[in-house]
Amino acid sequence: MRFDAILWDYDGTIVNSVPKNIDITKSILSRVAPHLAGDNLPRYLQSESAYHEANHAAKNWQELYVKYYGMTESEMLTAGALWAEHQLSNTTPVELFAEIDSTVRALSAVPHGICSQNSSKNIMNVLTQAQVNSYFNAVIGYDDIPNNHQKPAPESGVVCLKQIFNELENKSIVYIGDHEADVQFARNLQATMPSSAKVTSVAVAYSGAIPESWSTQPDFIIRSPQELLSLCNPHIDK
């Protein structure tokens, strides 16, 4: 298949941000819900495997905080407002998944973009440190989109694509993510595109997701970043 652009989710797709996310959440809990901190820390924040279990089962971050961490709705809203501050100040290292850099470089002839609920500044800092920032034509984070239009609403994808293309007629786009909400995002983005355009959903299983269990199924599942090479260009030299 030939694509005109490759759009990525960030957390759990390009980078393993779990250690940092756990550390941030623990810090926020100590401020917002101290009854859930220390010895009462939720099970889903006690290990990476448990975090993955909750993160991939929750429909969104709000459900993650309430259903899996045990926050009240009020605590969840307060915690969400603190996320940006902690995300930018937290110094826990974030690493690209193995093969991400080589995959992006091999597909550098195609423009890349990121649509994420992470901070665009935070994303760019990590991409720059990993020396792959030049391969991404557009990076759209939660701070670039109104709160009520975050993924799986399609707005971040629309903004991202408008930074890459002057027009979207006849464009073939792939969106890659690790969560069922990313598949829903791809479907919602398709609904906003011209009838001649196509959005293909690719789910990644290398960060702990089990896409086969999702109600909304992706078009393809990859189990390592390099599988994207043959999917995007079956003739590419790996």
C-alpha atoms as a PDB file:
ATOM      1  CA  MET A   1       0.000   0.000   0.000  1.00  0.00           C
ATOM      2  CA  ARG A   2       1.176   3.520  -0.758  1.00  0.00           C
ATOM      3  CA  PHE A   3       0.414   6.311   1.685  1.00  0.00           C
ATOM      4  CA  ASP A   4       0.704  10.063   1.228  1.00  0.00           C
ATOM      5  CA  ALA A   5       1.235  10.660   4.960  1.00  0.00           C
ATOM      6  CA  ILE A   6       1.855   8.666   8.115  1.00  0.00           C
ATOM      7  CA  LEU A   7       0.254   9.976  11.311  1.00  0.00           C
ATOM      8  CA  TRP A   8       1.244   8.610  14.698  1.00  0.00           C
ATOM      9  CA  ASP A   9      -0.063   8.497  18.216  1.00  0.00           C
ATOM     10  CA  TYR A  10       2.793   9.204  20.639  1.00  0.00           C
ATOM     11  CA  ASP A  11       2.532   7.535  24.057  1.00  0.00           C
ATOM     12  CA  GLY A  12       2.688   3.757  23.735  1.00  0.00           C
ATOM     13  CA  THR A  13       3.269   4.017  19.981  1.00  0.00           C
ATOM     14  CA  ILE A  14       6.464   6.020  19.426  1.00  0.00           C
ATOM     15  CA  VAL A  15       7.759   6.085  22.995  1.00  0.00           C
ATOM     16  CA  ASN A  16       7.525   3.979  26.108  1.00  0.00           C
ATOM     17  CA  SER A  17       6.291   6.696  28.436  1.00  0.00           C
ATOM     18  CA  VAL A  18       4.907   4.357  31.095  1.00  0.00           C
ATOM     19  CA  PRO A  19       7.620   4.955  33.746  1.00  0.00           C
ATOM     20  CA  LYS A  20       7.189   8.710  33.400  1.00  0.00           C
ATOM     21  CA  ASN A  21       3.385   8.525  33.370  1.00  0.00           C
ATOM     22  CA  ILE A  22       3.373   6.415  36.531  1.00  0.00           C
ATOM     23  CA  ASP A  23       5.711   8.847  38.278  1.00  0.00           C
ATOM     24  CA  ILE A  24       3.607  11.839  37.222  1.00  0.00           C
ATOM     25  CA  THR A  25       0.382  10.200  38.316  1.00  0.00           C
ATOM     26  CA  LYS A  26       1.834   9.305  41.711  1.00  0.00           C
ATOM     27  CA  SER A  27       2.909  12.929  42.202  1.00  0.00           C
ATOM     28  CA  ILE A  28      -0.520  14.215  41.222  1.00  0.00           C
ATOM     29  CA  LEU A  29      -2.265  11.729  43.502  1.00  0.00           C
ATOM     30  CA  SER A  30      -0.197  12.919  46.449  1.00  0.00           C
ATOM     31  CA  ARG A  31      -1.606  16.412  45.851  1.00  0.00           C
ATOM     32  CA  VAL A  32      -5.139  15.731  44.687  1.00  0.00           C
ATOM     33  CA  ALA A  33      -6.046  12.430  46.362  1.00  0.00           C
ATOM     34  CA  PRO A  34      -3.571  11.665  49.157  1.00  0.00           C
ATOM     35  CA  HIS A  35      -5.842   8.830  50.296  1.00  0.00           C
ATOM     36  CA  LEU A  36      -4.694   7.013  47.122  1.00  0.00           C
ATOM     37  CA  ALA A  37      -0.981   7.650  47.655  1.00  0.00           C
ATOM     38  CA  GLY A  38       1.750   5.849  49.584  1.00  0.00           C
ATOM     39  CA  ASP A  39       0.608   2.510  50.992  1.00  0.00           C
ATOM     40  CA  ASN A  40      -2.793   3.003  49.341  1.00  0.00           C
ATOM     41  CA  LEU A  41      -1.384   3.428  45.831  1.00  0.00           C
ATOM     42  CA  PRO A  42      -3.758   1.850  43.274  1.00  0.00           C
ATOM     43  CA  ARG A  43      -2.651  -1.565  42.021  1.00  0.00           C
ATOM     44  CA  TYR A  44      -2.518  -0.249  38.464  1.00  0.00           C
ATOM     45  CA  LEU A  45       0.266   2.169  39.392  1.00  0.00           C
ATOM     46  CA  GLN A  46       2.444  -0.404  41.114  1.00  0.00           C
ATOM     47  CA  SER A  47       4.017  -1.932  37.989  1.00  0.00           C
ATOM     48  CA  GLU A  48       4.336  -1.306  34.257  1.00  0.00           C
ATOM     49  CA  SER A  49       2.397  -4.462  33.426  1.00  0.00           C
ATOM     50  CA  ALA A  50      -0.502  -3.424  35.664  1.00  0.00           C
ATOM     51  CA  TYR A  51      -0.458   0.080  34.195  1.00  0.00           C
ATOM     52  CA  HIS A  52      -0.673  -1.365  30.666  1.00  0.00           C
ATOM     53  CA  GLU A  53      -3.620  -3.514  31.730  1.00  0.00           C
ATOM     54  CA  ALA A  54      -5.600  -0.521  32.946  1.00  0.00           C
ATOM     55  CA  ASN A  55      -4.495   1.911  30.246  1.00  0.00           C
ATOM     56  CA  HIS A  56      -5.510  -0.350  27.393  1.00  0.00           C
ATOM     57  CA  ALA A  57      -8.782  -1.348  29.058  1.00  0.00           C
ATOM     58  CA  ALA A  58      -9.923   2.217  29.806  1.00  0.00           C
ATOM     59  CA  LYS A  59     -11.855   4.098  27.141  1.00  0.00           C
ATOM     60  CA  ASN A  60     -10.036   7.348  27.938  1.00  0.00           C
ATOM     61  CA  TRP A  61      -7.918   8.977  30.630  1.00  0.00           C
ATOM     62  CA  GLN A  62     -11.001  10.077  32.569  1.00  0.00           C
ATOM     63  CA  GLU A  63     -12.182   6.480  32.922  1.00  0.00           C
ATOM     64  CA  LEU A  64      -8.634   5.397  33.757  1.00  0.00           C
ATOM     65  CA  TYR A  65      -8.514   7.807  36.691  1.00  0.00           C
ATOM     66  CA  VAL A  66     -11.992   7.068  38.038  1.00  0.00           C
ATOM     67  CA  LYS A  67     -12.565   3.374  37.317  1.00  0.00           C
ATOM     68  CA  TYR A  68      -9.030   2.054  37.710  1.00  0.00           C
ATOM     69  CA  TYR A  69      -7.326   4.487  40.096  1.00  0.00           C
ATOM     70  CA  GLY A  70     -10.385   5.068  42.266  1.00  0.00           C
ATOM     71  CA  MET A  71     -10.579   8.850  42.017  1.00  0.00           C
ATOM     72  CA  THR A  72     -13.816  10.740  42.418  1.00  0.00           C
ATOM     73  CA  GLU A  73     -14.957  12.711  39.388  1.00  0.00           C
ATOM     74  CA  SER A  74     -13.955  15.941  41.120  1.00  0.00           C
ATOM     75  CA  GLU A  75     -10.483  14.575  41.874  1.00  0.00           C
ATOM     76  CA  MET A  76     -10.156  13.376  38.291  1.00  0.00           C
ATOM     77  CA  LEU A  77     -10.933  16.834  36.885  1.00  0.00           C
ATOM     78  CA  THR A  78      -8.444  18.490  39.229  1.00  0.00           C
ATOM     79  CA  ALA A  79      -5.791  15.901  38.346  1.00  0.00           C
ATOM     80  CA  GLY A  80      -6.331  16.442  34.620  1.00  0.00           C
ATOM     81  CA  ALA A  81      -5.706  20.164  35.021  1.00  0.00           C
ATOM     82  CA  LEU A  82      -2.366  19.423  36.701  1.00  0.00           C
ATOM     83  CA  TRP A  83      -1.104  17.011  34.075  1.00  0.00           C
ATOM     84  CA  ALA A  84       0.550  19.564  31.773  1.00  0.00           C
ATOM     85  CA  GLU A  85       2.495  21.178  34.604  1.00  0.00           C
ATOM     86  CA  HIS A  86       3.821  17.839  35.855  1.00  0.00           C
ATOM     87  CA  GLN A  87       4.460  16.460  32.390  1.00  0.00           C
ATOM     88  CA  LEU A  88       6.827  19.276  31.494  1.00  0.00           C
ATOM     89  CA  SER A  89       8.611  19.390  34.847  1.00  0.00           C
ATOM     90  CA  ASN A  90       9.023  15.645  35.391  1.00  0.00           C
ATOM     91  CA  THR A  91      12.510  14.462  34.414  1.00  0.00           C
ATOM     92  CA  THR A  92      11.898  10.706  34.197  1.00  0.00           C
ATOM     93  CA  PRO A  93      13.630   9.580  30.961  1.00  0.00           C
ATOM     94  CA  VAL A  94      11.424   8.647  27.995  1.00  0.00           C
ATOM     95  CA  GLU A  95      12.820   6.349  25.319  1.00  0.00           C
ATOM     96  CA  LEU A  96      11.724   5.594  21.776  1.00  0.00           C
ATOM     97  CA  PHE A  97      10.646   2.004  21.252  1.00  0.00           C
ATOM     98  CA  ALA A  98      13.266  -0.122  19.526  1.00  0.00           C
ATOM     99  CA  GLU A  99      13.143   0.212  15.708  1.00  0.00           C
ATOM    100  CA  ILE A 100      11.108   3.436  15.746  1.00  0.00           C
ATOM    101  CA  ASP A 101      14.039   5.611  14.642  1.00  0.00           C
ATOM    102  CA  SER A 102      15.122   3.250  11.854  1.00  0.00           C
ATOM    103  CA  THR A 103      11.513   2.832  10.688  1.00  0.00           C
ATOM    104  CA  VAL A 104      10.891   6.577  10.505  1.00  0.00           C
ATOM    105  CA  ARG A 105      14.168   7.108   8.658  1.00  0.00           C
ATOM    106  CA  ALA A 106      13.353   4.326   6.160  1.00  0.00           C
ATOM    107  CA  LEU A 107       9.984   5.961   5.463  1.00  0.00           C
ATOM    108  CA  SER A 108      11.333   9.516   5.366  1.00  0.00           C
ATOM    109  CA  ALA A 109      10.120  10.039   1.789  1.00  0.00           C
ATOM    110  CA  VAL A 110       6.589  10.182   3.247  1.00  0.00           C
ATOM    111  CA  PRO A 111       5.622  13.110   5.516  1.00  0.00           C
ATOM    112  CA  HIS A 112       5.021  12.169   9.156  1.00  0.00           C
ATOM    113  CA  GLY A 113       2.814  13.792  11.769  1.00  0.00           C
ATOM    114  CA  ILE A 114       1.859  13.184  15.384  1.00  0.00           C
ATOM    115  CA  CYS A 115      -1.621  13.536  16.905  1.00  0.00           C
ATOM    116  CA  SER A 116      -1.380  13.105  20.663  1.00  0.00           C
ATOM    117  CA  GLN A 117      -2.846  13.980  24.021  1.00  0.00           C
ATOM    118  CA  ASN A 118       0.663  14.684  25.255  1.00  0.00           C
ATOM    119  CA  SER A 119       2.128  18.184  25.169  1.00  0.00           C
ATOM    120  CA  SER A 120       3.519  19.148  21.746  1.00  0.00           C
ATOM    121  CA  LYS A 121       6.474  20.849  23.449  1.00  0.00           C
ATOM    122  CA  ASN A 122       7.207  17.716  25.450  1.00  0.00           C
ATOM    123  CA  ILE A 123       6.969  15.572  22.301  1.00  0.00           C
ATOM    124  CA  MET A 124       9.341  17.821  20.367  1.00  0.00           C
ATOM    125  CA  ASN A 125      11.856  17.741  23.214  1.00  0.00           C
ATOM    126  CA  VAL A 126      11.950  13.935  23.097  1.00  0.00           C
ATOM    127  CA  LEU A 127      12.070  13.758  19.288  1.00  0.00           C
ATOM    128  CA  THR A 128      14.920  16.293  19.221  1.00  0.00           C
ATOM    129  CA  GLN A 129      16.888  14.398  21.836  1.00  0.00           C
ATOM    130  CA  ALA A 130      16.431  11.215  19.788  1.00  0.00           C
ATOM    131  CA  GLN A 131      17.490  13.120  16.641  1.00  0.00           C
ATOM    132  CA  VAL A 132      14.353  12.227  14.673  1.00  0.00           C
ATOM    133  CA  ASN A 133      12.525  15.563  14.948  1.00  0.00           C
ATOM    134  CA  SER A 134      13.390  16.523  11.362  1.00  0.00           C
ATOM    135  CA  TYR A 135      11.274  13.646  10.037  1.00  0.00           C
ATOM    136  CA  PHE A 136       8.046  14.968  11.548  1.00  0.00           C
ATOM    137  CA  ASN A 137       6.303  17.680   9.536  1.00  0.00           C
ATOM    138  CA  ALA A 138       3.611  18.384  12.143  1.00  0.00           C
ATOM    139  CA  VAL A 139       3.195  17.666  15.858  1.00  0.00           C
ATOM    140  CA  ILE A 140      -0.211  18.326  17.404  1.00  0.00           C
ATOM    141  CA  GLY A 141      -0.606  17.894  21.156  1.00  0.00           C
ATOM    142  CA  TYR A 142      -3.478  18.369  23.566  1.00  0.00           C
ATOM    143  CA  ASP A 143      -2.433  21.989  24.068  1.00  0.00           C
ATOM    144  CA  ASP A 144      -3.099  22.720  20.391  1.00  0.00           C
ATOM    145  CA  ILE A 145      -6.722  21.530  20.507  1.00  0.00           C
ATOM    146  CA  PRO A 146      -9.670  22.635  22.693  1.00  0.00           C
ATOM    147  CA  ASN A 147     -10.392  20.287  25.606  1.00  0.00           C
ATOM    148  CA  ASN A 148     -13.758  19.238  24.184  1.00  0.00           C
ATOM    149  CA  HIS A 149     -12.194  18.262  20.844  1.00  0.00           C
ATOM    150  CA  GLN A 150      -9.459  15.895  22.006  1.00  0.00           C
ATOM    151  CA  LYS A 151      -9.067  12.395  20.527  1.00  0.00           C
ATOM    152  CA  PRO A 152     -10.982  10.381  19.536  1.00  0.00           C
ATOM    153  CA  ALA A 153     -12.574  13.513  18.071  1.00  0.00           C
ATOM    154  CA  PRO A 154     -10.876  14.131  14.697  1.00  0.00           C
ATOM    155  CA  GLU A 155      -9.789  17.762  15.134  1.00  0.00           C
ATOM    156  CA  SER A 156      -6.118  17.082  15.894  1.00  0.00           C
ATOM    157  CA  GLY A 157      -5.882  14.974  12.745  1.00  0.00           C
ATOM    158  CA  VAL A 158      -7.468  17.693  10.643  1.00  0.00           C
ATOM    159  CA  VAL A 159      -5.076  20.331  12.036  1.00  0.00           C
ATOM    160  CA  CYS A 160      -2.118  17.991  11.542  1.00  0.00           C
ATOM    161  CA  LEU A 161      -2.979  17.219   7.930  1.00  0.00           C
ATOM    162  CA  LYS A 162      -3.572  20.890   7.094  1.00  0.00           C
ATOM    163  CA  GLN A 163      -0.006  21.595   8.212  1.00  0.00           C
ATOM    164  CA  ILE A 164       1.244  18.938   5.795  1.00  0.00           C
ATOM    165  CA  PHE A 165      -1.009  19.380   2.738  1.00  0.00           C
ATOM    166  CA  ASN A 166      -2.682  22.256   0.945  1.00  0.00           C
ATOM    167  CA  GLU A 167      -5.590  20.005  -0.006  1.00  0.00           C
ATOM    168  CA  LEU A 168      -6.728  16.514   1.007  1.00  0.00           C
ATOM    169  CA  GLU A 169      -8.371  15.249  -2.174  1.00  0.00           C
ATOM    170  CA  ASN A 170      -7.210  11.740  -3.158  1.00  0.00           C
ATOM    171  CA  LYS A 171      -4.883  11.508  -0.162  1.00  0.00           C
ATOM    172  CA  SER A 172      -4.215   8.139   1.467  1.00  0.00           C
ATOM    173  CA  ILE A 173      -3.369   8.444   5.175  1.00  0.00           C
ATOM    174  CA  VAL A 174      -2.364   5.877   7.761  1.00  0.00           C
ATOM    175  CA  TYR A 175      -2.881   6.483  11.479  1.00  0.00           C
ATOM    176  CA  ILE A 176      -0.912   4.353  13.945  1.00  0.00           C
ATOM    177  CA  GLY A 177      -1.852   3.948  17.615  1.00  0.00           C
ATOM    178  CA  ASP A 178      -1.904   1.576  20.570  1.00  0.00           C
ATOM    179  CA  HIS A 179      -5.427   2.132  21.896  1.00  0.00           C
ATOM    180  CA  GLU A 180      -8.942   1.373  20.724  1.00  0.00           C
ATOM    181  CA  ALA A 181      -9.590   5.124  20.883  1.00  0.00           C
ATOM    182  CA  ASP A 182      -6.928   5.519  18.173  1.00  0.00           C
ATOM    183  CA  VAL A 183      -8.964   3.305  15.861  1.00  0.00           C
ATOM    184  CA  GLN A 184     -12.048   5.368  16.635  1.00  0.00           C
ATOM    185  CA  PHE A 185     -10.002   8.505  15.955  1.00  0.00           C
ATOM    186  CA  ALA A 186      -9.011   7.162  12.525  1.00  0.00           C
ATOM    187  CA  ARG A 187     -12.654   6.407  11.726  1.00  0.00           C
ATOM    188  CA  ASN A 188     -13.744   9.875  12.866  1.00  0.00           C
ATOM    189  CA  LEU A 189     -10.971  11.465  10.824  1.00  0.00           C
ATOM    190  CA  GLN A 190     -12.139   9.509   7.779  1.00  0.00           C
ATOM    191  CA  ALA A 191     -15.603  10.995   8.211  1.00  0.00           C
ATOM    192  CA  THR A 192     -14.181  14.524   7.913  1.00  0.00           C
ATOM    193  CA  MET A 193     -12.099  13.805   4.803  1.00  0.00           C
ATOM    194  CA  PRO A 194     -13.117  14.266   1.152  1.00  0.00           C
ATOM    195  CA  SER A 195     -14.810  11.198  -0.301  1.00  0.00           C
ATOM    196  CA  SER A 196     -11.741  10.563  -2.473  1.00  0.00           C
ATOM    197  CA  ALA A 197      -9.440  10.311   0.580  1.00  0.00           C
ATOM    198  CA  LYS A 198      -8.773   7.240   2.702  1.00  0.00           C
ATOM    199  CA  VAL A 199      -7.658   6.836   6.331  1.00  0.00           C
ATOM    200  CA  THR A 200      -6.246   3.433   7.266  1.00  0.00           C
ATOM    201  CA  SER A 201      -5.983   2.410  10.919  1.00  0.00           C
ATOM    202  CA  VAL A 202      -2.943   0.481  12.168  1.00  0.00           C
ATOM    203  CA  ALA A 203      -2.818  -0.790  15.753  1.00  0.00           C
ATOM    204  CA  VAL A 204       0.480  -1.579  17.459  1.00  0.00           C
ATOM    205  CA  ALA A 205       0.745  -4.547  19.805  1.00  0.00           C
ATOM    206  CA  TYR A 206       4.391  -4.100  20.799  1.00  0.00           C
ATOM    207  CA  SER A 207       3.611  -1.901  23.824  1.00  0.00           C
ATOM    208  CA  GLY A 208       1.161  -4.221  25.549  1.00  0.00           C
ATOM    209  CA  ALA A 209      -2.127  -3.677  23.719  1.00  0.00           C
ATOM    210  CA  ILE A 210      -4.272  -6.612  22.598  1.00  0.00           C
ATOM    211  CA  PRO A 211      -6.080  -5.142  19.565  1.00  0.00           C
ATOM    212  CA  GLU A 212      -7.866  -8.426  18.828  1.00  0.00           C
ATOM    213  CA  SER A 213      -9.977  -7.823  21.950  1.00  0.00           C
ATOM    214  CA  TRP A 214     -11.220  -4.385  20.879  1.00  0.00           C
ATOM    215  CA  SER A 215     -14.812  -3.765  19.832  1.00  0.00           C
ATOM    216  CA  THR A 216     -13.608  -1.373  17.131  1.00  0.00           C
ATOM    217  CA  GLN A 217     -11.092  -3.235  15.001  1.00  0.00           C
ATOM    218  CA  PRO A 218      -8.172  -1.633  13.110  1.00  0.00           C
ATOM    219  CA  ASP A 219      -7.431  -2.363   9.477  1.00  0.00           C
ATOM    220  CA  PHE A 220      -4.022  -3.828  10.359  1.00  0.00           C
ATOM    221  CA  ILE A 221      -2.080  -4.911  13.448  1.00  0.00           C
ATOM    222  CA  ILE A 222       1.713  -4.719  13.688  1.00  0.00           C
ATOM    223  CA  ARG A 223       3.830  -6.374  16.368  1.00  0.00           C
ATOM    224  CA  SER A 224       7.024  -4.441  15.719  1.00  0.00           C
ATOM    225  CA  PRO A 225       7.644  -0.997  14.194  1.00  0.00           C
ATOM    226  CA  GLN A 226       9.502  -2.484  11.237  1.00  0.00           C
ATOM    227  CA  GLU A 227       6.383  -4.330  10.106  1.00  0.00           C
ATOM    228  CA  LEU A 228       5.206  -0.896   9.014  1.00  0.00           C
ATOM    229  CA  LEU A 229       7.841  -0.897   6.271  1.00  0.00           C
ATOM    230  CA  SER A 230       6.315  -3.705   4.246  1.00  0.00           C
ATOM    231  CA  LEU A 231       2.812  -2.381   4.939  1.00  0.00           C
ATOM    232  CA  CYS A 232       3.589   1.117   3.672  1.00  0.00           C
ATOM    233  CA  ASN A 233       5.825   0.031   0.828  1.00  0.00           C
ATOM    234  CA  PRO A 234       5.998  -3.700   0.029  1.00  0.00           C
ATOM    235  CA  HIS A 235       9.047  -3.096  -2.186  1.00  0.00           C
ATOM    236  CA  ILE A 236      11.101  -1.186   0.366  1.00  0.00           C
ATOM    237  CA  ASP A 237      14.510  -2.539   1.231  1.00  0.00           C
ATOM    238  CA  LYS A 238      14.465  -3.302   4.958  1.00  0.00           C
END
